[in-house]
Amino acid sequence: MFSRVARPVLGFGRSLSTTPPSNARVAVLGASGGIGQPLSLLLKNSPVVSHLALYDIAHTPGVAADLSHIETRAKVTGHIGAEQLPEAVKGCDVVVIPAGVPRKPGMTRDDLFNTNATIVANLTEACARHSPTAMICIISNPVNSTIPITSEVFKKHGVYNPNRIFGVTTLDIVRANTFIAELKGLDPARVNVPVIGGHAGKTIIPVVSQCTPKVEFPQDQLEALTGRIQEAGTEVVKAKAGAGSATLSMAYAGARFVFSLLDAMNGKEGVVECSFVRSEETECPYFSTPLLLGKNGIEKNLGVGKLSAFEEKMVAEAMTELKASIKKGEEFVKNMK
């Protein structure tokens, strides 16, 4: 069973982070987008961020100017266009990448591949060149492919460290915590459900048997809950009716992961988050599991833990799709000119 540090409420003058101020330089690549703007706002609100470097291909100076008026300590700089990308990532402790096109109704995460794969490859190449030791947090979908892309790009440049490259799957955990709390009448801030596997459809595997506090559901209700968690992104895409995908909840989840990572880098012990990373925990070369985070990224992979028969079946059924998505990402980089 995995535990996670308590999540303080985010409010003005406070942050999701609980550690003392540090001097972390954080870059957001794709800062003008639907996820990038609210994510940047949350990061600006944190006392552990001293420099927030914002990058995008348009509108970044305006976003940076707007955020720079907020009465918190982080200095904000705006960087626009490919020629300013190296300066945006140079010297960063953490680089967060939400850049890419959003899903529209009828699109799968895989439909985003051709556009977002190129974007992620170009951005991570700049990271490999100019901030090779930074923690790289990938939000851009499809994460099941964009993390292998990131790894292969770093390998090409001879600076690959699997302990520093993370696929941000935190929104799956946030949703699982919220939906279970709603069903059981619990405080969602006190619910913790590990979500393992990948970050698309049936590869998203909520491990309800390991939930704290312990909860139980009849099988039909468990299957419905699991299906809702797996398709929650589509639920938002449909509700927005062509106006975008999950941006605000993703920004919250991305900020939560970054703050956990910064806490661990600052020496806080016992920080655990799930993330899609290079893994030897299953037959799949990349897999999301709870990770103990530390000063150098992944300190220990805590593995899948004890699963129910229902969860074991979901893991087995996810393998083919996961492996195909991973291979697709790896092949993309091999075929790049």
C-alpha atoms as a PDB file:
ATOM      1  CA  MET A   1       0.000   0.000   0.000  1.00  0.00           C
ATOM      2  CA  PHE A   2       1.351   3.407  -0.926  1.00  0.00           C
ATOM      3  CA  SER A   3       0.907   6.649   0.970  1.00  0.00           C
ATOM      4  CA  ARG A   4       1.397  10.154  -0.231  1.00  0.00           C
ATOM      5  CA  VAL A   5       2.176  13.333   1.673  1.00  0.00           C
ATOM      6  CA  ALA A   6      -0.882  15.393   2.590  1.00  0.00           C
ATOM      7  CA  ARG A   7      -1.920  17.974   0.007  1.00  0.00           C
ATOM      8  CA  PRO A   8      -2.281  21.482   1.452  1.00  0.00           C
ATOM      9  CA  VAL A   9      -5.026  23.580  -0.136  1.00  0.00           C
ATOM     10  CA  LEU A  10      -3.834  26.032  -2.774  1.00  0.00           C
ATOM     11  CA  GLY A  11      -4.771  29.622  -2.004  1.00  0.00           C
ATOM     12  CA  PHE A  12      -3.463  33.168  -2.340  1.00  0.00           C
ATOM     13  CA  GLY A  13      -0.127  33.472  -0.535  1.00  0.00           C
ATOM     14  CA  ARG A  14       0.114  29.706  -0.168  1.00  0.00           C
ATOM     15  CA  SER A  15       1.176  26.900  -2.448  1.00  0.00           C
ATOM     16  CA  LEU A  16       0.716  23.193  -2.858  1.00  0.00           C
ATOM     17  CA  SER A  17       4.326  22.896  -1.669  1.00  0.00           C
ATOM     18  CA  THR A  18       5.188  22.618   2.013  1.00  0.00           C
ATOM     19  CA  THR A  19       8.968  23.000   1.942  1.00  0.00           C
ATOM     20  CA  PRO A  20      10.840  26.243   2.670  1.00  0.00           C
ATOM     21  CA  PRO A  21      11.618  28.590  -0.245  1.00  0.00           C
ATOM     22  CA  SER A  22      14.298  27.438  -2.655  1.00  0.00           C
ATOM     23  CA  ASN A  23      15.838  28.960  -5.765  1.00  0.00           C
ATOM     24  CA  ALA A  24      14.346  26.691  -8.388  1.00  0.00           C
ATOM     25  CA  ARG A  25      14.353  27.797 -12.002  1.00  0.00           C
ATOM     26  CA  VAL A  26      11.379  26.238 -13.784  1.00  0.00           C
ATOM     27  CA  ALA A  27      10.565  26.497 -17.493  1.00  0.00           C
ATOM     28  CA  VAL A  28       7.137  25.956 -19.033  1.00  0.00           C
ATOM     29  CA  LEU A  29       7.309  25.110 -22.740  1.00  0.00           C
ATOM     30  CA  GLY A  30       3.915  25.821 -24.266  1.00  0.00           C
ATOM     31  CA  ALA A  31       3.174  28.534 -21.701  1.00  0.00           C
ATOM     32  CA  SER A  32       0.603  30.417 -23.792  1.00  0.00           C
ATOM     33  CA  GLY A  33      -1.724  27.457 -24.290  1.00  0.00           C
ATOM     34  CA  GLY A  34      -4.800  26.200 -22.514  1.00  0.00           C
ATOM     35  CA  ILE A  35      -2.769  24.189 -19.995  1.00  0.00           C
ATOM     36  CA  GLY A  36       0.321  26.389 -20.039  1.00  0.00           C
ATOM     37  CA  GLN A  37      -1.331  29.590 -18.807  1.00  0.00           C
ATOM     38  CA  PRO A  38      -3.091  28.229 -15.682  1.00  0.00           C
ATOM     39  CA  LEU A  39      -0.071  25.987 -14.981  1.00  0.00           C
ATOM     40  CA  SER A  40       2.209  29.027 -15.114  1.00  0.00           C
ATOM     41  CA  LEU A  41      -0.143  30.888 -12.779  1.00  0.00           C
ATOM     42  CA  LEU A  42       0.034  28.082 -10.210  1.00  0.00           C
ATOM     43  CA  LEU A  43       3.825  27.916 -10.485  1.00  0.00           C
ATOM     44  CA  LYS A  44       4.101  31.716 -10.091  1.00  0.00           C
ATOM     45  CA  ASN A  45       2.132  31.379  -6.849  1.00  0.00           C
ATOM     46  CA  SER A  46       4.728  29.056  -5.310  1.00  0.00           C
ATOM     47  CA  PRO A  47       7.446  30.256  -2.912  1.00  0.00           C
ATOM     48  CA  VAL A  48       9.783  27.464  -4.063  1.00  0.00           C
ATOM     49  CA  VAL A  49      10.031  28.863  -7.612  1.00  0.00           C
ATOM     50  CA  SER A  50      12.484  31.766  -7.929  1.00  0.00           C
ATOM     51  CA  HIS A  51      12.549  32.055 -11.749  1.00  0.00           C
ATOM     52  CA  LEU A  52       9.734  31.081 -14.092  1.00  0.00           C
ATOM     53  CA  ALA A  53      10.813  30.973 -17.747  1.00  0.00           C
ATOM     54  CA  LEU A  54       7.880  30.888 -20.158  1.00  0.00           C
ATOM     55  CA  TYR A  55       8.263  29.729 -23.759  1.00  0.00           C
ATOM     56  CA  ASP A  56       5.886  29.434 -26.690  1.00  0.00           C
ATOM     57  CA  ILE A  57       5.720  30.242 -30.386  1.00  0.00           C
ATOM     58  CA  ALA A  58       3.238  33.096 -29.814  1.00  0.00           C
ATOM     59  CA  HIS A  59       1.901  35.459 -27.128  1.00  0.00           C
ATOM     60  CA  THR A  60       4.556  34.620 -24.513  1.00  0.00           C
ATOM     61  CA  PRO A  61       5.643  38.223 -23.808  1.00  0.00           C
ATOM     62  CA  GLY A  62       2.053  39.119 -22.924  1.00  0.00           C
ATOM     63  CA  VAL A  63       1.562  36.102 -20.669  1.00  0.00           C
ATOM     64  CA  ALA A  64       4.892  36.837 -18.952  1.00  0.00           C
ATOM     65  CA  ALA A  65       4.042  40.522 -18.463  1.00  0.00           C
ATOM     66  CA  ASP A  66       0.659  39.610 -16.994  1.00  0.00           C
ATOM     67  CA  LEU A  67       2.096  37.073 -14.538  1.00  0.00           C
ATOM     68  CA  SER A  68       5.019  39.324 -13.599  1.00  0.00           C
ATOM     69  CA  HIS A  69       2.597  41.737 -11.873  1.00  0.00           C
ATOM     70  CA  ILE A  70       1.627  39.100  -9.294  1.00  0.00           C
ATOM     71  CA  GLU A  71       3.030  39.803  -5.814  1.00  0.00           C
ATOM     72  CA  THR A  72       5.069  36.614  -5.398  1.00  0.00           C
ATOM     73  CA  ARG A  73       8.815  36.148  -5.506  1.00  0.00           C
ATOM     74  CA  ALA A  74       9.271  34.287  -8.805  1.00  0.00           C
ATOM     75  CA  LYS A  75      10.868  36.374 -11.526  1.00  0.00           C
ATOM     76  CA  VAL A  76       9.058  35.790 -14.826  1.00  0.00           C
ATOM     77  CA  THR A  77      10.699  35.914 -18.246  1.00  0.00           C
ATOM     78  CA  GLY A  78       8.985  35.416 -21.592  1.00  0.00           C
ATOM     79  CA  HIS A  79      10.671  33.705 -24.545  1.00  0.00           C
ATOM     80  CA  ILE A  80       9.162  33.446 -28.025  1.00  0.00           C
ATOM     81  CA  GLY A  81      10.159  31.478 -31.132  1.00  0.00           C
ATOM     82  CA  ALA A  82      12.805  28.843 -31.781  1.00  0.00           C
ATOM     83  CA  GLU A  83      15.721  31.270 -31.509  1.00  0.00           C
ATOM     84  CA  GLN A  84      14.792  32.067 -27.871  1.00  0.00           C
ATOM     85  CA  LEU A  85      14.196  28.460 -26.801  1.00  0.00           C
ATOM     86  CA  PRO A  86      17.799  27.786 -25.644  1.00  0.00           C
ATOM     87  CA  GLU A  87      17.687  30.781 -23.271  1.00  0.00           C
ATOM     88  CA  ALA A  88      14.331  29.609 -21.867  1.00  0.00           C
ATOM     89  CA  VAL A  89      15.637  26.201 -20.808  1.00  0.00           C
ATOM     90  CA  LYS A  90      19.249  27.078 -19.961  1.00  0.00           C
ATOM     91  CA  GLY A  91      20.105  26.389 -16.321  1.00  0.00           C
ATOM     92  CA  CYS A  92      16.669  25.059 -15.425  1.00  0.00           C
ATOM     93  CA  ASP A  93      16.102  22.681 -12.533  1.00  0.00           C
ATOM     94  CA  VAL A  94      12.737  21.542 -13.929  1.00  0.00           C
ATOM     95  CA  VAL A  95      11.274  21.817 -17.434  1.00  0.00           C
ATOM     96  CA  VAL A  96       7.535  21.203 -17.846  1.00  0.00           C
ATOM     97  CA  ILE A  97       6.205  20.587 -21.354  1.00  0.00           C
ATOM     98  CA  PRO A  98       2.445  20.975 -21.966  1.00  0.00           C
ATOM     99  CA  ALA A  99       3.000  22.134 -25.576  1.00  0.00           C
ATOM    100  CA  GLY A 100       0.965  20.597 -28.377  1.00  0.00           C
ATOM    101  CA  VAL A 101      -2.469  20.523 -29.922  1.00  0.00           C
ATOM    102  CA  PRO A 102      -5.452  19.632 -27.717  1.00  0.00           C
ATOM    103  CA  ARG A 103      -7.902  16.835 -28.351  1.00  0.00           C
ATOM    104  CA  LYS A 104     -11.155  17.621 -30.113  1.00  0.00           C
ATOM    105  CA  PRO A 105     -14.376  15.563 -30.063  1.00  0.00           C
ATOM    106  CA  GLY A 106     -13.864  12.214 -31.774  1.00  0.00           C
ATOM    107  CA  MET A 107     -10.059  12.366 -31.484  1.00  0.00           C
ATOM    108  CA  THR A 108      -8.065   9.840 -29.513  1.00  0.00           C
ATOM    109  CA  ARG A 109      -4.770  10.730 -27.844  1.00  0.00           C
ATOM    110  CA  ASP A 110      -3.116   8.717 -30.575  1.00  0.00           C
ATOM    111  CA  ASP A 111      -4.624  11.008 -33.216  1.00  0.00           C
ATOM    112  CA  LEU A 112      -2.449  13.755 -31.741  1.00  0.00           C
ATOM    113  CA  PHE A 113       0.705  11.791 -32.391  1.00  0.00           C
ATOM    114  CA  ASN A 114       1.993  13.208 -35.661  1.00  0.00           C
ATOM    115  CA  THR A 115       1.768  16.848 -34.586  1.00  0.00           C
ATOM    116  CA  ASN A 116       2.728  16.493 -30.943  1.00  0.00           C
ATOM    117  CA  ALA A 117       5.546  14.013 -31.574  1.00  0.00           C
ATOM    118  CA  THR A 118       7.410  16.590 -33.667  1.00  0.00           C
ATOM    119  CA  ILE A 119       6.790  19.341 -31.105  1.00  0.00           C
ATOM    120  CA  VAL A 120       8.036  17.218 -28.197  1.00  0.00           C
ATOM    121  CA  ALA A 121      11.082  15.989 -30.143  1.00  0.00           C
ATOM    122  CA  ASN A 122      12.121  19.567 -30.990  1.00  0.00           C
ATOM    123  CA  LEU A 123      11.588  20.881 -27.467  1.00  0.00           C
ATOM    124  CA  THR A 124      13.360  17.994 -25.754  1.00  0.00           C
ATOM    125  CA  GLU A 125      16.264  18.302 -28.179  1.00  0.00           C
ATOM    126  CA  ALA A 126      16.739  21.852 -26.890  1.00  0.00           C
ATOM    127  CA  CYS A 127      16.605  20.502 -23.335  1.00  0.00           C
ATOM    128  CA  ALA A 128      19.190  17.830 -24.114  1.00  0.00           C
ATOM    129  CA  ARG A 129      21.494  20.492 -25.550  1.00  0.00           C
ATOM    130  CA  HIS A 130      21.004  23.314 -23.048  1.00  0.00           C
ATOM    131  CA  SER A 131      19.649  21.801 -19.803  1.00  0.00           C
ATOM    132  CA  PRO A 132      20.730  18.140 -19.876  1.00  0.00           C
ATOM    133  CA  THR A 133      20.499  17.665 -16.099  1.00  0.00           C
ATOM    134  CA  ALA A 134      17.053  19.216 -15.628  1.00  0.00           C
ATOM    135  CA  MET A 135      14.049  17.186 -14.518  1.00  0.00           C
ATOM    136  CA  ILE A 136      11.860  16.823 -17.626  1.00  0.00           C
ATOM    137  CA  CYS A 137       8.115  16.602 -17.014  1.00  0.00           C
ATOM    138  CA  ILE A 138       6.091  15.749 -20.127  1.00  0.00           C
ATOM    139  CA  ILE A 139       2.383  16.589 -20.212  1.00  0.00           C
ATOM    140  CA  SER A 140       2.011  16.596 -24.028  1.00  0.00           C
ATOM    141  CA  ASN A 141      -0.108  13.702 -25.251  1.00  0.00           C
ATOM    142  CA  PRO A 142       0.071  10.883 -26.155  1.00  0.00           C
ATOM    143  CA  VAL A 143       2.298  10.444 -23.064  1.00  0.00           C
ATOM    144  CA  ASN A 144       2.610   6.707 -23.798  1.00  0.00           C
ATOM    145  CA  SER A 145       4.613   7.751 -26.888  1.00  0.00           C
ATOM    146  CA  THR A 146       6.055  11.153 -25.952  1.00  0.00           C
ATOM    147  CA  ILE A 147       8.060   9.762 -23.033  1.00  0.00           C
ATOM    148  CA  PRO A 148       9.832   7.191 -25.258  1.00  0.00           C
ATOM    149  CA  ILE A 149      10.434  10.058 -27.724  1.00  0.00           C
ATOM    150  CA  THR A 150      12.030  12.149 -24.971  1.00  0.00           C
ATOM    151  CA  SER A 151      14.206   9.242 -23.846  1.00  0.00           C
ATOM    152  CA  GLU A 152      15.436   8.515 -27.373  1.00  0.00           C
ATOM    153  CA  VAL A 153      16.248  12.200 -27.979  1.00  0.00           C
ATOM    154  CA  PHE A 154      18.323  12.342 -24.792  1.00  0.00           C
ATOM    155  CA  LYS A 155      20.053   9.086 -25.763  1.00  0.00           C
ATOM    156  CA  LYS A 156      20.990  10.595 -29.142  1.00  0.00           C
ATOM    157  CA  HIS A 157      22.739  13.424 -27.337  1.00  0.00           C
ATOM    158  CA  GLY A 158      24.463  11.116 -24.838  1.00  0.00           C
ATOM    159  CA  VAL A 159      22.820  12.728 -21.787  1.00  0.00           C
ATOM    160  CA  TYR A 160      20.068  10.210 -20.985  1.00  0.00           C
ATOM    161  CA  ASN A 161      19.176   9.704 -17.328  1.00  0.00           C
ATOM    162  CA  PRO A 162      15.945   7.704 -16.896  1.00  0.00           C
ATOM    163  CA  ASN A 163      15.578   8.968 -13.314  1.00  0.00           C
ATOM    164  CA  ARG A 164      14.969  12.512 -14.575  1.00  0.00           C
ATOM    165  CA  ILE A 165      12.324  11.994 -17.290  1.00  0.00           C
ATOM    166  CA  PHE A 166       8.689  11.849 -16.181  1.00  0.00           C
ATOM    167  CA  GLY A 167       5.381  11.385 -17.961  1.00  0.00           C
ATOM    168  CA  VAL A 168       2.897  13.409 -15.919  1.00  0.00           C
ATOM    169  CA  THR A 169      -0.047  11.073 -15.307  1.00  0.00           C
ATOM    170  CA  THR A 170      -1.101  12.879 -12.118  1.00  0.00           C
ATOM    171  CA  LEU A 171      -4.476  13.886 -13.559  1.00  0.00           C
ATOM    172  CA  ASP A 172      -5.504  10.205 -13.555  1.00  0.00           C
ATOM    173  CA  ILE A 173      -4.790  10.049  -9.807  1.00  0.00           C
ATOM    174  CA  VAL A 174      -6.532  13.380  -9.161  1.00  0.00           C
ATOM    175  CA  ARG A 175      -9.632  12.135 -10.989  1.00  0.00           C
ATOM    176  CA  ALA A 176      -9.610   8.764  -9.235  1.00  0.00           C
ATOM    177  CA  ASN A 177      -9.337  10.467  -5.840  1.00  0.00           C
ATOM    178  CA  THR A 178     -12.186  12.850  -6.716  1.00  0.00           C
ATOM    179  CA  PHE A 179     -14.567  10.241  -8.145  1.00  0.00           C
ATOM    180  CA  ILE A 180     -14.077   7.819  -5.224  1.00  0.00           C
ATOM    181  CA  ALA A 181     -14.540  10.621  -2.712  1.00  0.00           C
ATOM    182  CA  GLU A 182     -17.813  11.577  -4.419  1.00  0.00           C
ATOM    183  CA  LEU A 183     -19.104   7.999  -4.323  1.00  0.00           C
ATOM    184  CA  LYS A 184     -18.125   7.414  -0.684  1.00  0.00           C
ATOM    185  CA  GLY A 185     -18.791  10.868   0.775  1.00  0.00           C
ATOM    186  CA  LEU A 186     -15.113  11.378   1.664  1.00  0.00           C
ATOM    187  CA  ASP A 187     -12.830  14.410   1.654  1.00  0.00           C
ATOM    188  CA  PRO A 188     -11.010  14.077  -1.716  1.00  0.00           C
ATOM    189  CA  ALA A 189      -7.862  15.652  -0.216  1.00  0.00           C
ATOM    190  CA  ARG A 190      -7.568  12.601   2.063  1.00  0.00           C
ATOM    191  CA  VAL A 191      -8.146   9.959  -0.622  1.00  0.00           C
ATOM    192  CA  ASN A 192      -5.159   8.391  -2.373  1.00  0.00           C
ATOM    193  CA  VAL A 193      -5.561   5.947  -5.242  1.00  0.00           C
ATOM    194  CA  PRO A 194      -2.463   4.777  -7.126  1.00  0.00           C
ATOM    195  CA  VAL A 195      -3.029   4.681 -10.889  1.00  0.00           C
ATOM    196  CA  ILE A 196      -0.596   2.514 -12.821  1.00  0.00           C
ATOM    197  CA  GLY A 197       0.017   1.521 -16.454  1.00  0.00           C
ATOM    198  CA  GLY A 198      -0.154   4.273 -19.050  1.00  0.00           C
ATOM    199  CA  HIS A 199      -2.059   7.457 -19.781  1.00  0.00           C
ATOM    200  CA  ALA A 200      -4.681   6.549 -22.401  1.00  0.00           C
ATOM    201  CA  GLY A 201      -7.928   4.587 -22.257  1.00  0.00           C
ATOM    202  CA  LYS A 202      -7.575   1.031 -21.004  1.00  0.00           C
ATOM    203  CA  THR A 203      -3.881   1.534 -20.199  1.00  0.00           C
ATOM    204  CA  ILE A 204      -5.044   3.728 -17.272  1.00  0.00           C
ATOM    205  CA  ILE A 205      -5.363   1.271 -14.365  1.00  0.00           C
ATOM    206  CA  PRO A 206      -6.701   2.628 -11.063  1.00  0.00           C
ATOM    207  CA  VAL A 207      -5.593   0.351  -8.228  1.00  0.00           C
ATOM    208  CA  VAL A 208      -8.689   0.775  -6.077  1.00  0.00           C
ATOM    209  CA  SER A 209      -7.673  -2.205  -3.916  1.00  0.00           C
ATOM    210  CA  GLN A 210      -4.766  -0.093  -2.626  1.00  0.00           C
ATOM    211  CA  CYS A 211      -6.824   3.037  -1.945  1.00  0.00           C
ATOM    212  CA  THR A 212      -6.344   4.824   1.351  1.00  0.00           C
ATOM    213  CA  PRO A 213      -8.637   4.969   3.184  1.00  0.00           C
ATOM    214  CA  LYS A 214      -9.742   1.457   2.228  1.00  0.00           C
ATOM    215  CA  VAL A 215     -12.871   1.399   0.075  1.00  0.00           C
ATOM    216  CA  GLU A 216     -14.898  -1.392  -1.477  1.00  0.00           C
ATOM    217  CA  PHE A 217     -17.362  -1.428  -4.362  1.00  0.00           C
ATOM    218  CA  PRO A 218     -19.638  -4.101  -5.881  1.00  0.00           C
ATOM    219  CA  GLN A 219     -18.081  -5.389  -9.108  1.00  0.00           C
ATOM    220  CA  ASP A 220     -20.513  -3.575 -11.404  1.00  0.00           C
ATOM    221  CA  GLN A 221     -19.888  -0.262  -9.609  1.00  0.00           C
ATOM    222  CA  LEU A 222     -16.121  -0.880  -9.655  1.00  0.00           C
ATOM    223  CA  GLU A 223     -16.196  -1.481 -13.403  1.00  0.00           C
ATOM    224  CA  ALA A 224     -18.255   1.682 -13.983  1.00  0.00           C
ATOM    225  CA  LEU A 225     -15.881   3.716 -11.786  1.00  0.00           C
ATOM    226  CA  THR A 226     -12.844   2.326 -13.605  1.00  0.00           C
ATOM    227  CA  GLY A 227     -14.396   3.122 -16.972  1.00  0.00           C
ATOM    228  CA  ARG A 228     -15.148   6.680 -15.891  1.00  0.00           C
ATOM    229  CA  ILE A 229     -11.549   7.232 -14.734  1.00  0.00           C
ATOM    230  CA  GLN A 230     -10.226   5.792 -18.000  1.00  0.00           C
ATOM    231  CA  GLU A 231     -12.494   7.952 -20.156  1.00  0.00           C
ATOM    232  CA  ALA A 232     -12.573  11.092 -17.990  1.00  0.00           C
ATOM    233  CA  GLY A 233     -10.569  13.031 -20.571  1.00  0.00           C
ATOM    234  CA  THR A 234     -13.194  12.248 -23.208  1.00  0.00           C
ATOM    235  CA  GLU A 235     -15.886  13.339 -20.725  1.00  0.00           C
ATOM    236  CA  VAL A 236     -14.285  16.807 -20.626  1.00  0.00           C
ATOM    237  CA  VAL A 237     -13.679  16.965 -24.397  1.00  0.00           C
ATOM    238  CA  LYS A 238     -17.373  16.219 -25.018  1.00  0.00           C
ATOM    239  CA  ALA A 239     -18.536  18.696 -22.364  1.00  0.00           C
ATOM    240  CA  LYS A 240     -16.428  21.462 -23.911  1.00  0.00           C
ATOM    241  CA  ALA A 241     -18.058  20.667 -27.273  1.00  0.00           C
ATOM    242  CA  GLY A 242     -15.099  21.493 -29.484  1.00  0.00           C
ATOM    243  CA  ALA A 243     -13.685  24.245 -27.277  1.00  0.00           C
ATOM    244  CA  GLY A 244     -10.771  22.160 -26.017  1.00  0.00           C
ATOM    245  CA  SER A 245      -9.783  19.383 -23.660  1.00  0.00           C
ATOM    246  CA  ALA A 246      -8.933  19.161 -19.955  1.00  0.00           C
ATOM    247  CA  THR A 247      -6.850  22.272 -19.274  1.00  0.00           C
ATOM    248  CA  LEU A 248      -7.632  23.524 -15.768  1.00  0.00           C
ATOM    249  CA  SER A 249      -7.591  20.126 -14.058  1.00  0.00           C
ATOM    250  CA  MET A 250      -4.455  19.212 -16.022  1.00  0.00           C
ATOM    251  CA  ALA A 251      -2.774  22.445 -14.943  1.00  0.00           C
ATOM    252  CA  TYR A 252      -3.598  21.625 -11.319  1.00  0.00           C
ATOM    253  CA  ALA A 253      -2.294  18.080 -11.686  1.00  0.00           C
ATOM    254  CA  GLY A 254       0.865  19.269 -13.454  1.00  0.00           C
ATOM    255  CA  ALA A 255       1.552  21.804 -10.721  1.00  0.00           C
ATOM    256  CA  ARG A 256       0.993  19.172  -8.046  1.00  0.00           C
ATOM    257  CA  PHE A 257       3.572  16.906  -9.662  1.00  0.00           C
ATOM    258  CA  VAL A 258       6.119  19.707 -10.081  1.00  0.00           C
ATOM    259  CA  PHE A 259       5.723  20.807  -6.465  1.00  0.00           C
ATOM    260  CA  SER A 260       6.159  17.222  -5.243  1.00  0.00           C
ATOM    261  CA  LEU A 261       9.299  16.941  -7.367  1.00  0.00           C
ATOM    262  CA  LEU A 262      10.678  20.255  -6.048  1.00  0.00           C
ATOM    263  CA  ASP A 263       9.892  19.198  -2.474  1.00  0.00           C
ATOM    264  CA  ALA A 264      11.889  15.997  -2.985  1.00  0.00           C
ATOM    265  CA  MET A 265      14.747  17.858  -4.686  1.00  0.00           C
ATOM    266  CA  ASN A 266      14.850  20.177  -1.657  1.00  0.00           C
ATOM    267  CA  GLY A 267      15.359  17.208   0.648  1.00  0.00           C
ATOM    268  CA  LYS A 268      11.842  16.420   1.821  1.00  0.00           C
ATOM    269  CA  GLU A 269      11.527  12.697   2.556  1.00  0.00           C
ATOM    270  CA  GLY A 270       8.696  10.328   1.729  1.00  0.00           C
ATOM    271  CA  VAL A 271       7.422  12.146  -1.381  1.00  0.00           C
ATOM    272  CA  VAL A 272       5.574   9.646  -3.583  1.00  0.00           C
ATOM    273  CA  GLU A 273       3.880  10.296  -6.926  1.00  0.00           C
ATOM    274  CA  CYS A 274       2.854   8.021  -9.784  1.00  0.00           C
ATOM    275  CA  SER A 275       4.466   8.745 -13.155  1.00  0.00           C
ATOM    276  CA  PHE A 276       5.000   7.071 -16.533  1.00  0.00           C
ATOM    277  CA  VAL A 277       8.742   6.333 -16.614  1.00  0.00           C
ATOM    278  CA  ARG A 278      11.375   3.909 -17.847  1.00  0.00           C
ATOM    279  CA  SER A 279      10.643   0.793 -15.829  1.00  0.00           C
ATOM    280  CA  GLU A 280      11.594  -2.809 -15.159  1.00  0.00           C
ATOM    281  CA  GLU A 281       8.555  -3.498 -12.995  1.00  0.00           C
ATOM    282  CA  THR A 282       6.628  -5.265 -15.773  1.00  0.00           C
ATOM    283  CA  GLU A 283       7.373  -6.699 -19.229  1.00  0.00           C
ATOM    284  CA  CYS A 284       6.717  -3.204 -20.613  1.00  0.00           C
ATOM    285  CA  PRO A 285       9.810  -0.943 -20.915  1.00  0.00           C
ATOM    286  CA  TYR A 286       7.831   2.090 -19.692  1.00  0.00           C
ATOM    287  CA  PHE A 287       5.143   1.879 -17.048  1.00  0.00           C
ATOM    288  CA  SER A 288       3.514   4.162 -14.505  1.00  0.00           C
ATOM    289  CA  THR A 289       3.846   3.140 -10.860  1.00  0.00           C
ATOM    290  CA  PRO A 290       4.229   4.981  -7.542  1.00  0.00           C
ATOM    291  CA  LEU A 291       7.740   6.445  -7.298  1.00  0.00           C
ATOM    292  CA  LEU A 292       9.676   7.603  -4.272  1.00  0.00           C
ATOM    293  CA  LEU A 293      11.145  10.924  -5.385  1.00  0.00           C
ATOM    294  CA  GLY A 294      14.458  12.337  -4.190  1.00  0.00           C
ATOM    295  CA  LYS A 295      17.123  14.962  -4.880  1.00  0.00           C
ATOM    296  CA  ASN A 296      18.101  13.284  -8.152  1.00  0.00           C
ATOM    297  CA  GLY A 297      14.643  12.384  -9.421  1.00  0.00           C
ATOM    298  CA  ILE A 298      13.492   8.798  -9.006  1.00  0.00           C
ATOM    299  CA  GLU A 299      14.948   7.454  -5.783  1.00  0.00           C
ATOM    300  CA  LYS A 300      13.052   4.167  -5.842  1.00  0.00           C
ATOM    301  CA  ASN A 301      10.383   2.610  -8.036  1.00  0.00           C
ATOM    302  CA  LEU A 302       7.804   1.205  -5.613  1.00  0.00           C
ATOM    303  CA  GLY A 303       6.347  -1.147  -8.222  1.00  0.00           C
ATOM    304  CA  VAL A 304       2.785  -2.274  -8.763  1.00  0.00           C
ATOM    305  CA  GLY A 305       2.256  -3.763  -5.304  1.00  0.00           C
ATOM    306  CA  LYS A 306      -0.342  -6.426  -4.638  1.00  0.00           C
ATOM    307  CA  LEU A 307      -3.137  -6.320  -7.207  1.00  0.00           C
ATOM    308  CA  SER A 308      -6.619  -7.795  -7.200  1.00  0.00           C
ATOM    309  CA  ALA A 309      -7.558 -10.320  -9.900  1.00  0.00           C
ATOM    310  CA  PHE A 310      -9.540  -7.557 -11.671  1.00  0.00           C
ATOM    311  CA  GLU A 311      -6.489  -5.250 -11.661  1.00  0.00           C
ATOM    312  CA  GLU A 312      -4.129  -8.001 -12.824  1.00  0.00           C
ATOM    313  CA  LYS A 313      -6.450  -8.653 -15.748  1.00  0.00           C
ATOM    314  CA  MET A 314      -6.414  -4.950 -16.677  1.00  0.00           C
ATOM    315  CA  VAL A 315      -2.603  -4.892 -16.597  1.00  0.00           C
ATOM    316  CA  ALA A 316      -2.434  -7.935 -18.894  1.00  0.00           C
ATOM    317  CA  GLU A 317      -4.949  -6.413 -21.314  1.00  0.00           C
ATOM    318  CA  ALA A 318      -3.075  -3.080 -21.451  1.00  0.00           C
ATOM    319  CA  MET A 319       0.282  -4.560 -22.476  1.00  0.00           C
ATOM    320  CA  THR A 320      -0.266  -4.839 -26.237  1.00  0.00           C
ATOM    321  CA  GLU A 321      -1.482  -1.254 -26.607  1.00  0.00           C
ATOM    322  CA  LEU A 322       1.237   0.112 -24.325  1.00  0.00           C
ATOM    323  CA  LYS A 323       4.037  -1.676 -26.158  1.00  0.00           C
ATOM    324  CA  ALA A 324       2.734  -0.468 -29.529  1.00  0.00           C
ATOM    325  CA  SER A 325       2.576   3.161 -28.345  1.00  0.00           C
ATOM    326  CA  ILE A 326       6.091   2.943 -26.898  1.00  0.00           C
ATOM    327  CA  LYS A 327       7.486   1.436 -30.075  1.00  0.00           C
ATOM    328  CA  LYS A 328       5.764   4.133 -32.130  1.00  0.00           C
ATOM    329  CA  GLY A 329       7.556   6.822 -30.123  1.00  0.00           C
ATOM    330  CA  GLU A 330      10.949   5.114 -30.355  1.00  0.00           C
ATOM    331  CA  GLU A 331      10.604   4.567 -34.105  1.00  0.00           C
ATOM    332  CA  PHE A 332       9.662   8.208 -34.630  1.00  0.00           C
ATOM    333  CA  VAL A 333      13.011   9.386 -33.243  1.00  0.00           C
ATOM    334  CA  LYS A 334      14.967   6.742 -35.184  1.00  0.00           C
ATOM    335  CA  ASN A 335      13.383   8.005 -38.408  1.00  0.00           C
ATOM    336  CA  MET A 336      14.005  11.684 -37.692  1.00  0.00           C
ATOM    337  CA  LYS A 337      16.393  13.442 -40.046  1.00  0.00           C
END
